[in-house]
Amino acid sequence: MKWIVYILECSDNSLYTGITNDLEWRLEEHRMGRGAKYTKHRRPLTMRYSEYQDTKGAALKREAAIKSLKRSKKLALFSNKPDHHST
C-alpha cells in the first residue's frame, strides 16, 4: 500500500502537512471539518503538494521532515524552484 504525504494551504495562508493512504477521502474529511483540529476552522483548503512513500513509517518520517522545514523551504516544494526534491 502506498502512503501519501501532503501539504494543504489553509485560508489563513498557514500550511498543514499530513499523511494518508486515501488522499481523496482525507481531503473530503478536511473539507467537511473532520480531517484535523488544525484545519477545522481554517477552511477553505487548497492542496499544494503531495508525494508517495512506500510505507507508513517512511511517510511519517517524511511528514516530520517537512514539518521541521522553514516555510520558505515548504513553499519551494510546490513551486518550480530548482531546490525541489520529491521522493
Protein backbone atom coordinates (compact mmCIF):
# COMPACT_ATOMS: atom_id res chain seq x y z
CA MET A 1 0.00 0.00 0.00
CA LYS A 2 1.29 3.43 -0.94
CA TRP A 3 1.19 6.27 1.55
CA ILE A 4 0.87 9.92 0.60
CA VAL A 5 2.45 12.90 2.33
CA TYR A 6 0.57 16.08 1.51
CA ILE A 7 0.57 19.80 2.22
CA LEU A 8 -2.58 21.90 2.38
CA GLU A 9 -2.67 25.67 2.36
CA CYS A 10 -5.32 26.99 4.73
CA SER A 11 -7.46 30.11 4.34
CA ASP A 12 -5.15 31.97 6.74
CA ASN A 13 -2.16 31.08 4.47
CA SER A 14 -0.78 28.62 7.01
CA LEU A 15 0.40 25.22 5.81
CA TYR A 16 -0.79 21.86 7.12
CA THR A 17 1.18 18.67 6.46
CA GLY A 18 -0.31 15.22 6.88
CA ILE A 19 -0.25 11.62 5.63
CA THR A 20 -2.90 9.25 4.32
CA ASN A 21 -3.34 6.13 2.23
CA ASP A 22 -6.52 7.54 0.61
CA LEU A 23 -5.99 11.14 -0.46
CA GLU A 24 -9.46 11.81 -1.91
CA TRP A 25 -11.16 10.57 1.27
CA ARG A 26 -8.77 12.51 3.52
CA LEU A 27 -9.25 15.75 1.59
CA GLU A 28 -13.02 15.35 1.85
CA GLU A 29 -12.65 14.83 5.61
CA HIS A 30 -10.65 18.06 5.84
CA ARG A 31 -13.20 19.94 3.73
CA MET A 32 -16.05 18.70 5.95
CA GLY A 33 -14.21 19.90 9.06
CA ARG A 34 -13.45 16.38 10.29
CA GLY A 35 -9.90 15.95 8.98
CA ALA A 36 -7.90 17.58 11.75
CA LYS A 37 -8.45 20.02 14.57
CA TYR A 38 -5.95 22.40 12.94
CA THR A 39 -7.79 22.62 9.62
CA LYS A 40 -11.34 22.60 11.01
CA HIS A 41 -11.60 26.39 11.28
CA ARG A 42 -9.12 27.28 8.55
CA ARG A 43 -11.21 26.36 5.53
CA PRO A 44 -11.26 26.63 2.57
CA LEU A 45 -8.20 24.49 1.99
CA THR A 46 -6.06 24.20 -1.12
CA MET A 47 -3.99 21.13 -1.95
CA ARG A 48 -0.45 22.33 -2.65
CA TYR A 49 1.80 19.28 -2.64
CA SER A 50 1.80 15.51 -2.42
CA GLU A 51 4.32 12.73 -2.72
CA TYR A 52 4.19 8.95 -2.39
CA GLN A 53 6.03 6.82 0.13
CA ASP A 54 6.22 3.02 0.16
CA THR A 55 5.43 2.50 3.85
CA LYS A 56 3.59 4.28 6.63
CA GLY A 57 6.87 4.56 8.54
CA ALA A 58 8.55 6.30 5.61
CA ALA A 59 5.56 8.63 5.26
CA LEU A 60 5.68 9.52 8.95
CA LYS A 61 9.40 10.27 8.71
CA ARG A 62 8.91 12.43 5.63
CA GLU A 63 5.97 14.24 7.26
CA ALA A 64 8.17 15.03 10.28
CA ALA A 65 10.97 16.21 8.00
CA ILE A 66 8.62 18.52 6.09
CA LYS A 67 7.11 19.88 9.29
CA SER A 68 10.60 20.79 10.50
CA LEU A 69 11.34 22.85 7.38
CA LYS A 70 11.13 26.61 7.35
CA ARG A 71 8.11 27.98 5.49
CA SER A 72 10.27 29.07 2.54
CA LYS A 73 11.52 25.50 2.06
CA LYS A 74 7.97 24.15 2.24
CA LEU A 75 6.89 26.67 -0.39
CA ALA A 76 9.82 25.56 -2.56
CA LEU A 77 8.43 22.02 -2.55
CA PHE A 78 5.42 23.11 -4.57
CA SER A 79 6.98 25.77 -6.72
CA ASN A 80 9.20 25.47 -9.77
CA LYS A 81 12.33 26.36 -7.83
CA PRO A 82 15.42 24.24 -8.53
CA ASP A 83 15.70 23.02 -4.92
CA HIS A 84 12.53 20.90 -5.33
CA HIS A 85 13.16 17.35 -4.06
CA SER A 86 10.36 14.82 -4.11
CA THR A 87 10.93 11.21 -3.06
